[in-house]
Amino acid sequence: MYALHINRYVVHVVSRIRIVDLDRGGCCGPGDLLPRLTWRNARGKTRTLKFVTEEERLERSVSLQGFYRLTAGSAAELHGLVSGTLA
C-alpha cells in the first residue's frame, strides 16, 4: 500500500506499507483509542475524530479525509500500540 501526496498536479510517494496479514488480530489494539486520537491542521487547530460510535467504532471515514498531523500524544499512543508497549 502506498501513501501519496498530490500537490499542483504532481504526485509524491510519501511512504510504502507492506501488509503482512489481513486478519484483524491482537495487533490492531483496543478501540478505545479512537476517541482520544487528536490531529492538528496547518493553522494549529486541534480536532478529534467525528462519527465514533458508543461502541468505539468509526461510523464514517469522512473525518479522516484531508491532511492533518497527529499530535505528539496521539503519535506516542499509536507507537505504543504497534510496538506492543501500550497498556
PDB file of N, CA and C in Angstrom:
ATOM      1  N   MET A   1       0.851  -1.135   0.000  1.00  0.00           N
ATOM      2  CA  MET A   1       0.000   0.000   0.000  1.00  0.00           C
ATOM      3  C   MET A   1       0.918   1.225   0.000  1.00  0.00           C
ATOM      4  N   TYR A   2       0.543   2.230  -0.767  1.00  0.00           N
ATOM      5  CA  TYR A   2       1.337   3.448  -0.853  1.00  0.00           C
ATOM      6  C   TYR A   2       0.531   4.650  -0.377  1.00  0.00           C
ATOM      7  N   ALA A   3       1.165   5.529   0.383  1.00  0.00           N
ATOM      8  CA  ALA A   3       0.555   6.796   0.773  1.00  0.00           C
ATOM      9  C   ALA A   3       1.074   7.848  -0.199  1.00  0.00           C
ATOM     10  N   LEU A   4       0.158   8.581  -0.812  1.00  0.00           N
ATOM     11  CA  LEU A   4       0.513   9.579  -1.817  1.00  0.00           C
ATOM     12  C   LEU A   4       0.107  10.968  -1.361  1.00  0.00           C
ATOM     13  N   HIS A   5       0.866  11.948  -1.797  1.00  0.00           N
ATOM     14  CA  HIS A   5       0.508  13.354  -1.583  1.00  0.00           C
ATOM     15  C   HIS A   5       0.502  14.007  -2.957  1.00  0.00           C
ATOM     16  N   ILE A   6      -0.593  14.688  -3.280  1.00  0.00           N
ATOM     17  CA  ILE A   6      -0.719  15.331  -4.583  1.00  0.00           C
ATOM     18  C   ILE A   6      -0.756  16.836  -4.360  1.00  0.00           C
ATOM     19  N   ASN A   7       0.140  17.545  -5.044  1.00  0.00           N
ATOM     20  CA  ASN A   7       0.222  18.988  -4.899  1.00  0.00           C
ATOM     21  C   ASN A   7       0.520  19.599  -6.260  1.00  0.00           C
ATOM     22  N   ARG A   8      -0.379  20.441  -6.731  1.00  0.00           N
ATOM     23  CA  ARG A   8      -0.212  21.147  -8.008  1.00  0.00           C
ATOM     24  C   ARG A   8       0.113  20.189  -9.155  1.00  0.00           C
ATOM     25  N   TYR A   9      -0.707  19.168  -9.265  1.00  0.00           N
ATOM     26  CA  TYR A   9      -0.638  18.185 -10.353  1.00  0.00           C
ATOM     27  C   TYR A   9       0.584  17.270 -10.293  1.00  0.00           C
ATOM     28  N   VAL A  10       1.318  17.302  -9.193  1.00  0.00           N
ATOM     29  CA  VAL A  10       2.479  16.434  -9.022  1.00  0.00           C
ATOM     30  C   VAL A  10       2.158  15.427  -7.923  1.00  0.00           C
ATOM     31  N   VAL A  11       2.401  14.144  -8.217  1.00  0.00           N
ATOM     32  CA  VAL A  11       2.144  13.080  -7.259  1.00  0.00           C
ATOM     33  C   VAL A  11       3.455  12.712  -6.572  1.00  0.00           C
ATOM     34  N   HIS A  12       3.448  12.751  -5.240  1.00  0.00           N
ATOM     35  CA  HIS A  12       4.633  12.399  -4.450  1.00  0.00           C
ATOM     36  C   HIS A  12       4.334  11.127  -3.666  1.00  0.00           C
ATOM     37  N   VAL A  13       5.244  10.166  -3.688  1.00  0.00           N
ATOM     38  CA  VAL A  13       5.108   8.962  -2.877  1.00  0.00           C
ATOM     39  C   VAL A  13       5.660   9.295  -1.499  1.00  0.00           C
ATOM     40  N   VAL A  14       4.793   9.203  -0.480  1.00  0.00           N
ATOM     41  CA  VAL A  14       5.181   9.569   0.873  1.00  0.00           C
ATOM     42  C   VAL A  14       5.742   8.374   1.622  1.00  0.00           C
ATOM     43  N   SER A  15       5.075   7.239   1.501  1.00  0.00           N
ATOM     44  CA  SER A  15       5.543   6.044   2.195  1.00  0.00           C
ATOM     45  C   SER A  15       4.959   4.800   1.555  1.00  0.00           C
ATOM     46  N   ARG A  16       5.514   3.681   1.937  1.00  0.00           N
ATOM     47  CA  ARG A  16       5.031   2.386   1.478  1.00  0.00           C
ATOM     48  C   ARG A  16       4.846   1.495   2.684  1.00  0.00           C
ATOM     49  N   ILE A  17       3.742   0.746   2.690  1.00  0.00           N
ATOM     50  CA  ILE A  17       3.447  -0.172   3.781  1.00  0.00           C
ATOM     51  C   ILE A  17       3.247  -1.560   3.173  1.00  0.00           C
ATOM     52  N   ARG A  18       3.877  -2.534   3.745  1.00  0.00           N
ATOM     53  CA  ARG A  18       3.685  -3.911   3.311  1.00  0.00           C
ATOM     54  C   ARG A  18       2.698  -4.567   4.266  1.00  0.00           C
ATOM     55  N   ILE A  19       1.576  -5.052   3.735  1.00  0.00           N
ATOM     56  CA  ILE A  19       0.558  -5.712   4.537  1.00  0.00           C
ATOM     57  C   ILE A  19       0.943  -7.177   4.683  1.00  0.00           C
ATOM     58  N   VAL A  20       1.133  -7.609   5.915  1.00  0.00           N
ATOM     59  CA  VAL A  20       1.544  -8.987   6.174  1.00  0.00           C
ATOM     60  C   VAL A  20       0.339  -9.879   6.390  1.00  0.00           C
ATOM     61  N   ASP A  21      -0.664  -9.390   7.113  1.00  0.00           N
ATOM     62  CA  ASP A  21      -1.808 -10.209   7.471  1.00  0.00           C
ATOM     63  C   ASP A  21      -3.066  -9.352   7.405  1.00  0.00           C
ATOM     64  N   LEU A  22      -4.068  -9.790   6.663  1.00  0.00           N
ATOM     65  CA  LEU A  22      -5.301  -9.033   6.534  1.00  0.00           C
ATOM     66  C   LEU A  22      -6.303  -9.337   7.640  1.00  0.00           C
ATOM     67  N   ASP A  23      -6.051 -10.371   8.435  1.00  0.00           N
ATOM     68  CA  ASP A  23      -6.949 -10.712   9.540  1.00  0.00           C
ATOM     69  C   ASP A  23      -6.747  -9.726  10.673  1.00  0.00           C
ATOM     70  N   ARG A  24      -7.863  -9.276  11.245  1.00  0.00           N
ATOM     71  CA  ARG A  24      -7.767  -8.376  12.397  1.00  0.00           C
ATOM     72  C   ARG A  24      -7.483  -9.228  13.618  1.00  0.00           C
ATOM     73  N   GLY A  25      -6.353  -9.004  14.187  1.00  0.00           N
ATOM     74  CA  GLY A  25      -5.967  -9.784  15.357  1.00  0.00           C
ATOM     75  C   GLY A  25      -5.580  -8.893  16.511  1.00  0.00           C
ATOM     76  N   GLY A  26      -4.810  -9.428  17.406  1.00  0.00           N
ATOM     77  CA  GLY A  26      -4.372  -8.686  18.570  1.00  0.00           C
ATOM     78  C   GLY A  26      -3.500  -7.495  18.223  1.00  0.00           C
ATOM     79  N   CYS A  27      -2.949  -7.489  17.014  1.00  0.00           N
ATOM     80  CA  CYS A  27      -2.076  -6.394  16.617  1.00  0.00           C
ATOM     81  C   CYS A  27      -2.826  -5.083  16.446  1.00  0.00           C
ATOM     82  N   CYS A  28      -4.132  -5.153  16.252  1.00  0.00           N
ATOM     83  CA  CYS A  28      -4.906  -3.948  15.924  1.00  0.00           C
ATOM     84  C   CYS A  28      -5.238  -3.102  17.133  1.00  0.00           C
ATOM     85  N   GLY A  29      -5.130  -3.644  18.319  1.00  0.00           N
ATOM     86  CA  GLY A  29      -5.291  -2.863  19.528  1.00  0.00           C
ATOM     87  C   GLY A  29      -6.717  -2.535  19.901  1.00  0.00           C
ATOM     88  N   PRO A  30      -6.835  -1.839  21.048  1.00  0.00           N
ATOM     89  CA  PRO A  30      -8.170  -1.510  21.590  1.00  0.00           C
ATOM     90  C   PRO A  30      -8.835  -0.389  20.835  1.00  0.00           C
ATOM     91  N   GLY A  31     -10.171  -0.468  20.684  1.00  0.00           N
ATOM     92  CA  GLY A  31     -10.925   0.577  20.009  1.00  0.00           C
ATOM     93  C   GLY A  31     -11.070   1.830  20.845  1.00  0.00           C
ATOM     94  N   ASP A  32     -10.787   1.745  22.148  1.00  0.00           N
ATOM     95  CA  ASP A  32     -10.940   2.923  22.999  1.00  0.00           C
ATOM     96  C   ASP A  32      -9.930   4.013  22.680  1.00  0.00           C
ATOM     97  N   LEU A  33      -8.983   3.724  21.832  1.00  0.00           N
ATOM     98  CA  LEU A  33      -8.010   4.727  21.409  1.00  0.00           C
ATOM     99  C   LEU A  33      -8.629   5.739  20.438  1.00  0.00           C
ATOM    100  N   LEU A  34      -9.602   5.320  19.647  1.00  0.00           N
ATOM    101  CA  LEU A  34     -10.190   6.192  18.629  1.00  0.00           C
ATOM    102  C   LEU A  34     -10.702   7.533  19.162  1.00  0.00           C
ATOM    103  N   PRO A  35     -11.488   7.550  20.222  1.00  0.00           N
ATOM    104  CA  PRO A  35     -11.996   8.846  20.693  1.00  0.00           C
ATOM    105  C   PRO A  35     -10.904   9.774  21.231  1.00  0.00           C
ATOM    106  N   ARG A  36      -9.748   9.218  21.595  1.00  0.00           N
ATOM    107  CA  ARG A  36      -8.664  10.031  22.164  1.00  0.00           C
ATOM    108  C   ARG A  36      -7.705  10.581  21.120  1.00  0.00           C
ATOM    109  N   LEU A  37      -7.705  10.027  19.911  1.00  0.00           N
ATOM    110  CA  LEU A  37      -6.770  10.494  18.893  1.00  0.00           C
ATOM    111  C   LEU A  37      -7.065  11.940  18.520  1.00  0.00           C
ATOM    112  N   THR A  38      -6.026  12.749  18.420  1.00  0.00           N
ATOM    113  CA  THR A  38      -6.185  14.156  18.046  1.00  0.00           C
ATOM    114  C   THR A  38      -5.213  14.516  16.940  1.00  0.00           C
ATOM    115  N   TRP A  39      -5.668  15.423  16.079  1.00  0.00           N
ATOM    116  CA  TRP A  39      -4.886  15.907  14.952  1.00  0.00           C
ATOM    117  C   TRP A  39      -4.778  17.417  15.021  1.00  0.00           C
ATOM    118  N   ARG A  40      -3.732  17.962  14.382  1.00  0.00           N
ATOM    119  CA  ARG A  40      -3.552  19.404  14.292  1.00  0.00           C
ATOM    120  C   ARG A  40      -3.393  19.760  12.812  1.00  0.00           C
ATOM    121  N   ASN A  41      -4.143  20.743  12.349  1.00  0.00           N
ATOM    122  CA  ASN A  41      -4.030  21.156  10.955  1.00  0.00           C
ATOM    123  C   ASN A  41      -2.933  22.209  10.813  1.00  0.00           C
ATOM    124  N   ALA A  42      -2.744  22.721   9.608  1.00  0.00           N
ATOM    125  CA  ALA A  42      -1.663  23.672   9.333  1.00  0.00           C
ATOM    126  C   ALA A  42      -1.823  24.972  10.118  1.00  0.00           C
ATOM    127  N   ARG A  43      -3.032  25.309  10.477  1.00  0.00           N
ATOM    128  CA  ARG A  43      -3.280  26.541  11.243  1.00  0.00           C
ATOM    129  C   ARG A  43      -3.127  26.343  12.745  1.00  0.00           C
ATOM    130  N   GLY A  44      -2.831  25.118  13.158  1.00  0.00           N
ATOM    131  CA  GLY A  44      -2.632  24.838  14.574  1.00  0.00           C
ATOM    132  C   GLY A  44      -3.883  24.433  15.324  1.00  0.00           C
ATOM    133  N   LYS A  45      -5.014  24.317  14.622  1.00  0.00           N
ATOM    134  CA  LYS A  45      -6.260  23.921  15.275  1.00  0.00           C
ATOM    135  C   LYS A  45      -6.253  22.409  15.517  1.00  0.00           C
ATOM    136  N   THR A  46      -6.609  22.011  16.722  1.00  0.00           N
ATOM    137  CA  THR A  46      -6.624  20.599  17.101  1.00  0.00           C
ATOM    138  C   THR A  46      -8.047  20.076  17.034  1.00  0.00           C
ATOM    139  N   ARG A  47      -8.184  18.821  16.569  1.00  0.00           N
ATOM    140  CA  ARG A  47      -9.508  18.214  16.497  1.00  0.00           C
ATOM    141  C   ARG A  47      -9.414  16.715  16.738  1.00  0.00           C
ATOM    142  N   THR A  48     -10.555  16.121  17.078  1.00  0.00           N
ATOM    143  CA  THR A  48     -10.651  14.679  17.264  1.00  0.00           C
ATOM    144  C   THR A  48     -11.475  14.102  16.120  1.00  0.00           C
ATOM    145  N   LEU A  49     -11.602  12.790  16.105  1.00  0.00           N
ATOM    146  CA  LEU A  49     -12.414  12.128  15.087  1.00  0.00           C
ATOM    147  C   LEU A  49     -13.888  12.380  15.321  1.00  0.00           C
ATOM    148  N   LYS A  50     -14.611  12.550  14.246  1.00  0.00           N
ATOM    149  CA  LYS A  50     -16.066  12.617  14.317  1.00  0.00           C
ATOM    150  C   LYS A  50     -16.603  11.233  13.971  1.00  0.00           C
ATOM    151  N   PHE A  51     -17.834  11.005  14.312  1.00  0.00           N
ATOM    152  CA  PHE A  51     -18.541   9.777  13.946  1.00  0.00           C
ATOM    153  C   PHE A  51     -17.956   8.522  14.593  1.00  0.00           C
ATOM    154  N   VAL A  52     -17.507   8.642  15.843  1.00  0.00           N
ATOM    155  CA  VAL A  52     -17.093   7.474  16.614  1.00  0.00           C
ATOM    156  C   VAL A  52     -18.295   7.060  17.452  1.00  0.00           C
ATOM    157  N   THR A  53     -18.725   5.809  17.312  1.00  0.00           N
ATOM    158  CA  THR A  53     -19.921   5.337  17.998  1.00  0.00           C
ATOM    159  C   THR A  53     -19.633   5.067  19.473  1.00  0.00           C
ATOM    160  N   GLU A  54     -20.693   4.815  20.230  1.00  0.00           N
ATOM    161  CA  GLU A  54     -20.541   4.467  21.642  1.00  0.00           C
ATOM    162  C   GLU A  54     -19.771   3.164  21.815  1.00  0.00           C
ATOM    163  N   GLU A  55     -19.817   2.314  20.795  1.00  0.00           N
ATOM    164  CA  GLU A  55     -19.076   1.042  20.825  1.00  0.00           C
ATOM    165  C   GLU A  55     -17.623   1.246  20.411  1.00  0.00           C
ATOM    166  N   GLU A  56     -17.215   2.516  20.243  1.00  0.00           N
ATOM    167  CA  GLU A  56     -15.849   2.905  19.887  1.00  0.00           C
ATOM    168  C   GLU A  56     -15.434   2.340  18.533  1.00  0.00           C
ATOM    169  N   ARG A  57     -16.351   2.463  17.575  1.00  0.00           N
ATOM    170  CA  ARG A  57     -16.083   2.088  16.190  1.00  0.00           C
ATOM    171  C   ARG A  57     -16.280   3.322  15.324  1.00  0.00           C
ATOM    172  N   LEU A  58     -15.548   3.405  14.247  1.00  0.00           N
ATOM    173  CA  LEU A  58     -15.669   4.528  13.337  1.00  0.00           C
ATOM    174  C   LEU A  58     -16.846   4.294  12.411  1.00  0.00           C
ATOM    175  N   GLU A  59     -17.834   5.178  12.487  1.00  0.00           N
ATOM    176  CA  GLU A  59     -19.052   5.027  11.697  1.00  0.00           C
ATOM    177  C   GLU A  59     -18.862   5.532  10.267  1.00  0.00           C
ATOM    178  N   ARG A  60     -18.111   6.607  10.090  1.00  0.00           N
ATOM    179  CA  ARG A  60     -17.834   7.175   8.763  1.00  0.00           C
ATOM    180  C   ARG A  60     -16.370   7.584   8.693  1.00  0.00           C
ATOM    181  N   SER A  61     -15.779   7.430   7.533  1.00  0.00           N
ATOM    182  CA  SER A  61     -14.361   7.749   7.383  1.00  0.00           C
ATOM    183  C   SER A  61     -14.111   9.186   6.936  1.00  0.00           C
ATOM    184  N   VAL A  62     -15.167   9.958   6.737  1.00  0.00           N
ATOM    185  CA  VAL A  62     -15.001  11.316   6.219  1.00  0.00           C
ATOM    186  C   VAL A  62     -14.136  12.177   7.134  1.00  0.00           C
ATOM    187  N   SER A  63     -14.149  11.930   8.435  1.00  0.00           N
ATOM    188  CA  SER A  63     -13.343  12.749   9.340  1.00  0.00           C
ATOM    189  C   SER A  63     -11.858  12.433   9.252  1.00  0.00           C
ATOM    190  N   LEU A  64     -11.492  11.405   8.491  1.00  0.00           N
ATOM    191  CA  LEU A  64     -10.077  11.091   8.266  1.00  0.00           C
ATOM    192  C   LEU A  64      -9.569  11.641   6.939  1.00  0.00           C
ATOM    193  N   GLN A  65     -10.452  12.272   6.171  1.00  0.00           N
ATOM    194  CA  GLN A  65     -10.041  12.819   4.884  1.00  0.00           C
ATOM    195  C   GLN A  65      -9.406  14.184   5.077  1.00  0.00           C
ATOM    196  N   GLY A  66      -8.359  14.443   4.331  1.00  0.00           N
ATOM    197  CA  GLY A  66      -7.665  15.713   4.448  1.00  0.00           C
ATOM    198  C   GLY A  66      -6.233  15.481   4.891  1.00  0.00           C
ATOM    199  N   PHE A  67      -5.523  16.559   5.155  1.00  0.00           N
ATOM    200  CA  PHE A  67      -4.127  16.462   5.553  1.00  0.00           C
ATOM    201  C   PHE A  67      -3.973  17.053   6.947  1.00  0.00           C
ATOM    202  N   TYR A  68      -3.775  16.182   7.911  1.00  0.00           N
ATOM    203  CA  TYR A  68      -3.611  16.584   9.305  1.00  0.00           C
ATOM    204  C   TYR A  68      -2.421  15.838   9.879  1.00  0.00           C
ATOM    205  N   ARG A  69      -1.811  16.419  10.887  1.00  0.00           N
ATOM    206  CA  ARG A  69      -0.723  15.748  11.592  1.00  0.00           C
ATOM    207  C   ARG A  69      -1.221  15.316  12.960  1.00  0.00           C
ATOM    208  N   LEU A  70      -0.835  14.120  13.356  1.00  0.00           N
ATOM    209  CA  LEU A  70      -1.179  13.664  14.691  1.00  0.00           C
ATOM    210  C   LEU A  70      -0.477  14.548  15.717  1.00  0.00           C
ATOM    211  N   THR A  71      -1.138  14.795  16.826  1.00  0.00           N
ATOM    212  CA  THR A  71      -0.464  15.490  17.918  1.00  0.00           C
ATOM    213  C   THR A  71       0.575  14.539  18.506  1.00  0.00           C
ATOM    214  N   ALA A  72       1.520  15.079  19.249  1.00  0.00           N
ATOM    215  CA  ALA A  72       2.594  14.256  19.818  1.00  0.00           C
ATOM    216  C   ALA A  72       2.032  13.158  20.720  1.00  0.00           C
ATOM    217  N   GLY A  73       1.022  13.488  21.510  1.00  0.00           N
ATOM    218  CA  GLY A  73       0.435  12.486  22.402  1.00  0.00           C
ATOM    219  C   GLY A  73      -0.221  11.341  21.653  1.00  0.00           C
ATOM    220  N   SER A  74      -0.951  11.658  20.574  1.00  0.00           N
ATOM    221  CA  SER A  74      -1.610  10.615  19.790  1.00  0.00           C
ATOM    222  C   SER A  74      -0.587   9.775  19.038  1.00  0.00           C
ATOM    223  N   ALA A  75       0.455  10.413  18.536  1.00  0.00           N
ATOM    224  CA  ALA A  75       1.518   9.662  17.852  1.00  0.00           C
ATOM    225  C   ALA A  75       2.188   8.693  18.821  1.00  0.00           C
ATOM    226  N   ALA A  76       2.405   9.132  20.051  1.00  0.00           N
ATOM    227  CA  ALA A  76       3.015   8.257  21.057  1.00  0.00           C
ATOM    228  C   ALA A  76       2.098   7.082  21.389  1.00  0.00           C
ATOM    229  N   GLU A  77       0.790   7.346  21.479  1.00  0.00           N
ATOM    230  CA  GLU A  77      -0.146   6.253  21.753  1.00  0.00           C
ATOM    231  C   GLU A  77      -0.169   5.237  20.623  1.00  0.00           C
ATOM    232  N   LEU A  78      -0.178   5.703  19.381  1.00  0.00           N
ATOM    233  CA  LEU A  78      -0.162   4.783  18.241  1.00  0.00           C
ATOM    234  C   LEU A  78       1.150   4.016  18.181  1.00  0.00           C
ATOM    235  N   HIS A  79       2.250   4.686  18.478  1.00  0.00           N
ATOM    236  CA  HIS A  79       3.547   3.990  18.514  1.00  0.00           C
ATOM    237  C   HIS A  79       3.534   2.888  19.565  1.00  0.00           C
ATOM    238  N   GLY A  80       2.968   3.202  20.731  1.00  0.00           N
ATOM    239  CA  GLY A  80       2.868   2.173  21.767  1.00  0.00           C
ATOM    240  C   GLY A  80       2.000   1.010  21.348  1.00  0.00           C
ATOM    241  N   LEU A  81       0.940   1.309  20.588  1.00  0.00           N
ATOM    242  CA  LEU A  81       0.051   0.265  20.113  1.00  0.00           C
ATOM    243  C   LEU A  81       0.760  -0.690  19.160  1.00  0.00           C
ATOM    244  N   VAL A  82       1.443  -0.143  18.171  1.00  0.00           N
ATOM    245  CA  VAL A  82       2.071  -1.011  17.165  1.00  0.00           C
ATOM    246  C   VAL A  82       3.354  -1.656  17.673  1.00  0.00           C
ATOM    247  N   SER A  83       3.992  -1.046  18.668  1.00  0.00           N
ATOM    248  CA  SER A  83       5.221  -1.649  19.206  1.00  0.00           C
ATOM    249  C   SER A  83       4.934  -2.623  20.354  1.00  0.00           C
ATOM    250  N   GLY A  84       3.660  -2.695  20.762  1.00  0.00           N
ATOM    251  CA  GLY A  84       3.290  -3.640  21.813  1.00  0.00           C
ATOM    252  C   GLY A  84       3.537  -3.134  23.219  1.00  0.00           C
ATOM    253  N   THR A  85       3.757  -1.819  23.381  1.00  0.00           N
ATOM    254  CA  THR A  85       4.023  -1.300  24.723  1.00  0.00           C
ATOM    255  C   THR A  85       2.854  -0.516  25.293  1.00  0.00           C
ATOM    256  N   LEU A  86       1.715  -0.508  24.595  1.00  0.00           N
ATOM    257  CA  LEU A  86       0.532   0.190  25.082  1.00  0.00           C
ATOM    258  C   LEU A  86      -0.119  -0.635  26.171  1.00  0.00           C
ATOM    259  N   ALA A  87      -0.397   0.001  27.281  1.00  0.00           N
ATOM    260  CA  ALA A  87      -1.003  -0.714  28.418  1.00  0.00           C
ATOM    261  C   ALA A  87      -2.478  -0.931  28.190  1.00  0.00           C
TER     262      ALA A  87
END
